C-alpha atoms as a PDB file:
ATOM      1  CA  MET A   1      -3.496  -9.419 -11.611  1.00  0.00           C
ATOM      2  CA  LYS A   2      -2.662  -6.091 -13.229  1.00  0.00           C
ATOM      3  CA  LYS A   3      -0.444  -3.792 -11.170  1.00  0.00           C
ATOM      4  CA  ASN A   4      -2.230  -0.610 -10.124  1.00  0.00           C
ATOM      5  CA  VAL A   5       0.034   0.936  -7.467  1.00  0.00           C
ATOM      6  CA  GLY A   6       2.584   3.512  -8.636  1.00  0.00           C
ATOM      7  CA  ASN A   7       6.037   4.201  -7.215  1.00  0.00           C
ATOM      8  CA  ALA A   8       5.033   7.182  -5.071  1.00  0.00           C
ATOM      9  CA  ASP A   9       2.067   5.217  -3.750  1.00  0.00           C
ATOM     10  CA  LYS A  10       4.375   2.307  -2.864  1.00  0.00           C
ATOM     11  CA  TRP A  11       6.649   4.548  -0.819  1.00  0.00           C
ATOM     12  CA  ILE A  12       3.688   6.126   0.953  1.00  0.00           C
ATOM     13  CA  ARG A  13       2.403   2.665   1.873  1.00  0.00           C
ATOM     14  CA  ILE A  14       5.810   1.647   3.218  1.00  0.00           C
ATOM     15  CA  GLY A  15       5.837   4.889   5.242  1.00  0.00           C
ATOM     16  CA  VAL A  16       2.432   3.930   6.644  1.00  0.00           C
ATOM     17  CA  VAL A  17       3.968   0.652   7.802  1.00  0.00           C
ATOM     18  CA  ALA A  18       6.695   2.486   9.685  1.00  0.00           C
ATOM     19  CA  ALA A  19       4.264   5.031  11.134  1.00  0.00           C
ATOM     20  CA  SER A  20       1.803   2.400  12.347  1.00  0.00           C
ATOM     21  CA  VAL A  21       4.580   0.484  14.116  1.00  0.00           C
ATOM     22  CA  VAL A  22       5.882   3.652  15.778  1.00  0.00           C
ATOM     23  CA  LEU A  23       2.376   4.715  16.856  1.00  0.00           C
ATOM     24  CA  ALA A  24       1.747   1.264  18.297  1.00  0.00           C
ATOM     25  CA  ALA A  25       5.063   1.346  20.149  1.00  0.00           C
ATOM     26  CA  TYR A  26       4.059   4.616  21.825  1.00  0.00           C
ATOM     27  CA  GLY A  27       0.619   3.289  22.705  1.00  0.00           C
ATOM     28  CA  VAL A  28      -1.300   5.600  20.370  1.00  0.00           C
ATOM     29  CA  PHE A  29      -2.540   2.683  18.260  1.00  0.00           C
ATOM     30  CA  PRO A  30      -3.545  -0.765  19.548  1.00  0.00           C
ATOM     31  CA  TRP A  31      -1.019  -3.399  18.395  1.00  0.00           C
ATOM     32  CA  LEU A  32      -3.584  -5.572  16.625  1.00  0.00           C
ATOM     33  CA  ILE A  33      -4.859  -2.712  14.477  1.00  0.00           C
ATOM     34  CA  ALA A  34      -1.313  -1.491  13.796  1.00  0.00           C
ATOM     35  CA  CYS A  35      -0.236  -4.957  12.657  1.00  0.00           C
ATOM     36  CA  LEU A  36      -3.264  -5.304  10.406  1.00  0.00           C
ATOM     37  CA  VAL A  37      -2.682  -1.900   8.802  1.00  0.00           C
ATOM     38  CA  ALA A  38       1.048  -2.592   8.446  1.00  0.00           C
ATOM     39  CA  VAL A  39       0.577  -6.012   6.817  1.00  0.00           C
ATOM     40  CA  ILE A  40      -1.998  -4.731   4.317  1.00  0.00           C
ATOM     41  CA  ALA A  41       0.106  -1.676   3.418  1.00  0.00           C
ATOM     42  CA  LEU A  42       3.287  -3.725   3.120  1.00  0.00           C
ATOM     43  CA  VAL A  43       1.772  -6.444   0.936  1.00  0.00           C
ATOM     44  CA  THR A  44       0.059  -3.982  -1.409  1.00  0.00           C
ATOM     45  CA  GLY A  45       3.176  -1.822  -1.571  1.00  0.00           C
ATOM     46  CA  LEU A  46       5.528  -4.699  -2.360  1.00  0.00           C
ATOM     47  CA  THR A  47       3.263  -6.487  -4.852  1.00  0.00           C
ATOM     48  CA  GLY A  48       2.162  -3.319  -6.627  1.00  0.00           C
ATOM     49  CA  TYR A  49      -1.470  -4.409  -6.548  1.00  0.00           C
ATOM     50  CA  CYS A  50      -4.275  -3.067  -4.365  1.00  0.00           C
ATOM     51  CA  PRO A  51      -7.551  -5.042  -4.486  1.00  0.00           C
ATOM     52  CA  LEU A  52      -9.567  -1.984  -3.446  1.00  0.00           C
ATOM     53  CA  TYR A  53      -8.091   0.027  -6.326  1.00  0.00           C
ATOM     54  CA  GLY A  54      -8.997  -2.845  -8.652  1.00  0.00           C
ATOM     55  CA  VAL A  55     -12.636  -2.833  -7.532  1.00  0.00           C
ATOM     56  CA  CYS A  56     -12.879   0.953  -7.885  1.00  0.00           C
ATOM     57  CA  GLY A  57     -11.023   1.068 -11.215  1.00  0.00           C
ATOM     58  CA  ILE A  58      -8.253   3.278  -9.811  1.00  0.00           C
ATOM     59  CA  SER A  59      -4.603   3.098 -10.818  1.00  0.00           C
ATOM     60  CA  THR A  60      -1.744   5.285  -9.604  1.00  0.00           C
ATOM     61  CA  ARG A  61       0.720   3.457 -11.824  1.00  0.00           C
ATOM     62  CA  ARG A  62       2.036   5.342 -14.817  1.00  0.00           C
ATOM     63  CA  GLN A  63       1.098   3.745 -18.121  1.00  0.00           C
ATOM     64  CA  THR A  64       4.009   3.851 -20.556  1.00  0.00           C
ATOM     65  CA  GLY A  65       4.362   2.649 -24.103  1.00  0.00           C
ATOM     66  CA  LYS A  66       2.174   0.542 -26.304  1.00  0.00           C
ATOM     67  CA  GLY A  67       0.455  -2.341 -24.503  1.00  0.00           C
ATOM     68  CA  ALA A  68       1.723  -1.239 -21.110  1.00  0.00           C
ATOM     69  CA  GLU A  69       0.700  -3.411 -18.210  1.00  0.00           C
END
């Protein structure tokens, strides 16, 4: 599993977690959907791998050096 989520993308995903919880707390978002969005964003942000990016061939991670992962 090659990492494909960059640092800025990770922080955005973690922000999405916080925003979805806040929106659910105020009743803007149903709790079930907010939890689903939060879990997916948190897992992909912490692991550095997004399966959807992998399928689409997208990477927001900076490639550095020879043989960078």
